[in-house]
Amino acid sequence: MARVAGVDLPPNKRAQIGMTYIYGVGKSRATAILNEVGVDIHTKIRDISEDDLNKIRTLLDQQGEIEGDLRKRIQMDIKRLMDISCHRGLRHRRSLPVRGQRTHTNARTRKGPRKAAVAKKKAPGKK
């Protein structure tokens, strides 16, 4: 099983798709890396030689943040926004949509399940 950047790549997937299992690597970045190494994007992960895997590992290390470093940087960016109390930070803090989407209806994914409305008891009327 191929292991790149601490992630086990699925052996039965095509190389381009298998590379996307690494956090921070999408289809376009995977294609660029495989072209630079000289591996066809249609080959299966199990058919990539160990030498090519080493080239992929070094290329990913050179290109920048992936996996844990990227996750950590994104979380620190969100924390910074919340600390300075900007609009985006307040939306993150309240678990509401950050990028201007409507919330009167929709936004259930971000807001969570609906809160059940509690019916008030009627005050006893005077006779």
Protein backbone atom coordinates (compact mmCIF):
# COMPACT_ATOMS: atom_id res chain seq x y z
CA MET A 1 0.00 0.00 0.00
CA ALA A 2 1.38 3.40 -1.00
CA ARG A 3 1.81 5.86 1.85
CA VAL A 4 2.36 9.51 0.97
CA ALA A 5 2.33 12.39 3.49
CA GLY A 6 1.00 10.12 6.23
CA VAL A 7 -1.99 8.99 4.15
CA ASP A 8 -2.56 5.49 2.79
CA LEU A 9 -3.52 5.89 -0.86
CA PRO A 10 -6.15 3.41 -2.08
CA PRO A 11 -4.40 0.88 -4.36
CA ASN A 12 -7.34 0.31 -6.75
CA LYS A 13 -7.90 3.98 -7.64
CA ARG A 14 -6.38 5.85 -10.55
CA ALA A 15 -3.32 7.89 -9.59
CA GLN A 16 -5.04 11.24 -10.13
CA ILE A 17 -8.00 10.32 -7.91
CA GLY A 18 -5.89 8.53 -5.31
CA MET A 19 -3.73 11.62 -4.79
CA THR A 20 -6.82 13.63 -3.84
CA TYR A 21 -7.07 11.58 -0.62
CA ILE A 22 -4.26 13.82 0.67
CA TYR A 23 -5.67 16.95 2.34
CA GLY A 24 -4.67 19.95 0.27
CA VAL A 25 -4.29 18.06 -3.02
CA GLY A 26 -7.13 18.35 -5.53
CA LYS A 27 -7.46 17.04 -9.06
CA SER A 28 -5.54 19.86 -10.73
CA ARG A 29 -2.65 19.75 -8.26
CA ALA A 30 -2.52 15.94 -8.48
CA THR A 31 -2.41 16.15 -12.28
CA ALA A 32 0.40 18.70 -12.19
CA ILE A 33 2.44 16.59 -9.75
CA LEU A 34 1.98 13.38 -11.73
CA ASN A 35 2.89 15.10 -15.00
CA GLU A 36 6.04 16.55 -13.45
CA VAL A 37 7.08 13.16 -12.09
CA GLY A 38 6.25 11.46 -15.39
CA VAL A 39 3.47 9.14 -14.21
CA ASP A 40 0.35 8.69 -16.33
CA ILE A 41 -2.77 9.90 -14.49
CA HIS A 42 -4.67 6.76 -15.53
CA THR A 43 -2.28 4.25 -13.90
CA LYS A 44 -3.45 2.60 -10.70
CA ILE A 45 -1.77 3.51 -7.42
CA ARG A 46 -0.61 -0.09 -6.96
CA ASP A 47 1.27 0.06 -10.30
CA ILE A 48 3.34 3.16 -9.42
CA SER A 49 6.95 2.24 -8.69
CA GLU A 50 8.57 3.04 -5.33
CA ASP A 51 11.00 5.37 -7.11
CA ASP A 52 8.11 7.41 -8.53
CA LEU A 53 6.43 7.48 -5.12
CA ASN A 54 9.61 8.93 -3.62
CA LYS A 55 9.64 11.61 -6.33
CA ILE A 56 6.00 12.44 -5.52
CA ARG A 57 6.82 12.68 -1.80
CA THR A 58 9.72 15.07 -2.37
CA LEU A 59 7.67 17.18 -4.78
CA LEU A 60 4.83 17.50 -2.25
CA ASP A 61 7.32 18.51 0.44
CA GLN A 62 8.76 21.23 -1.82
CA GLN A 63 5.42 22.61 -3.01
CA GLY A 64 4.03 23.63 0.33
CA GLU A 65 1.61 22.84 3.07
CA ILE A 66 -0.47 19.68 3.02
CA GLU A 67 -2.24 17.56 5.64
CA GLY A 68 -1.50 18.57 9.25
CA ASP A 69 0.33 21.83 8.49
CA LEU A 70 -2.48 23.06 6.24
CA ARG A 71 -5.21 22.06 8.71
CA LYS A 72 -3.33 23.83 11.50
CA ARG A 73 -2.87 27.01 9.45
CA ILE A 74 -6.56 27.13 8.50
CA GLN A 75 -7.63 26.68 12.12
CA MET A 76 -5.22 29.43 13.22
CA ASP A 77 -6.64 31.75 10.54
CA ILE A 78 -10.17 31.14 11.81
CA LYS A 79 -9.05 31.65 15.41
CA ARG A 80 -7.40 34.95 14.44
CA LEU A 81 -10.64 36.14 12.84
CA MET A 82 -12.55 35.25 15.98
CA ASP A 83 -9.98 36.97 18.24
CA ILE A 84 -10.15 40.27 16.38
CA SER A 85 -13.97 40.08 16.41
CA CYS A 86 -14.43 40.89 12.75
CA HIS A 87 -17.71 40.00 11.04
CA ARG A 88 -16.40 36.71 9.66
CA GLY A 89 -15.02 35.80 13.08
CA LEU A 90 -18.35 36.48 14.77
CA ARG A 91 -20.14 34.30 12.21
CA HIS A 92 -17.65 31.48 12.88
CA ARG A 93 -18.14 31.89 16.64
CA ARG A 94 -21.94 31.64 16.31
CA SER A 95 -21.77 28.74 13.83
CA LEU A 96 -23.62 30.68 11.16
CA PRO A 97 -22.86 30.99 7.43
CA VAL A 98 -19.76 33.14 6.95
CA ARG A 99 -20.00 34.24 3.33
CA GLY A 100 -23.23 36.19 3.20
CA GLN A 101 -25.76 33.44 2.60
CA ARG A 102 -29.33 33.95 3.77
CA THR A 103 -30.34 32.43 7.09
CA HIS A 104 -34.04 33.29 7.40
CA THR A 105 -34.70 30.06 5.56
CA ASN A 106 -32.12 27.39 4.74
CA ALA A 107 -28.63 27.26 6.36
CA ARG A 108 -29.69 24.11 8.23
CA THR A 109 -26.34 22.43 7.69
CA ARG A 110 -24.53 25.20 9.53
CA LYS A 111 -27.22 25.98 12.13
CA GLY A 112 -28.05 22.36 12.96
CA PRO A 113 -31.47 20.79 13.42
CA ARG A 114 -34.42 23.06 14.09
CA LYS A 115 -35.17 23.86 17.69
CA ALA A 116 -38.65 22.71 18.67
CA ALA A 117 -41.00 25.57 19.43
CA VAL A 118 -42.28 25.42 22.99
CA ALA A 119 -45.98 26.28 23.28
CA LYS A 120 -46.84 28.81 25.99
CA LYS A 121 -49.64 28.07 28.41
CA LYS A 122 -52.62 30.36 28.15
CA ALA A 123 -53.27 32.45 31.23
CA PRO A 124 -56.59 31.61 32.83
CA GLY A 125 -59.14 34.19 31.70
CA LYS A 126 -61.38 36.15 34.08
CA LYS A 127 -65.08 35.34 34.13
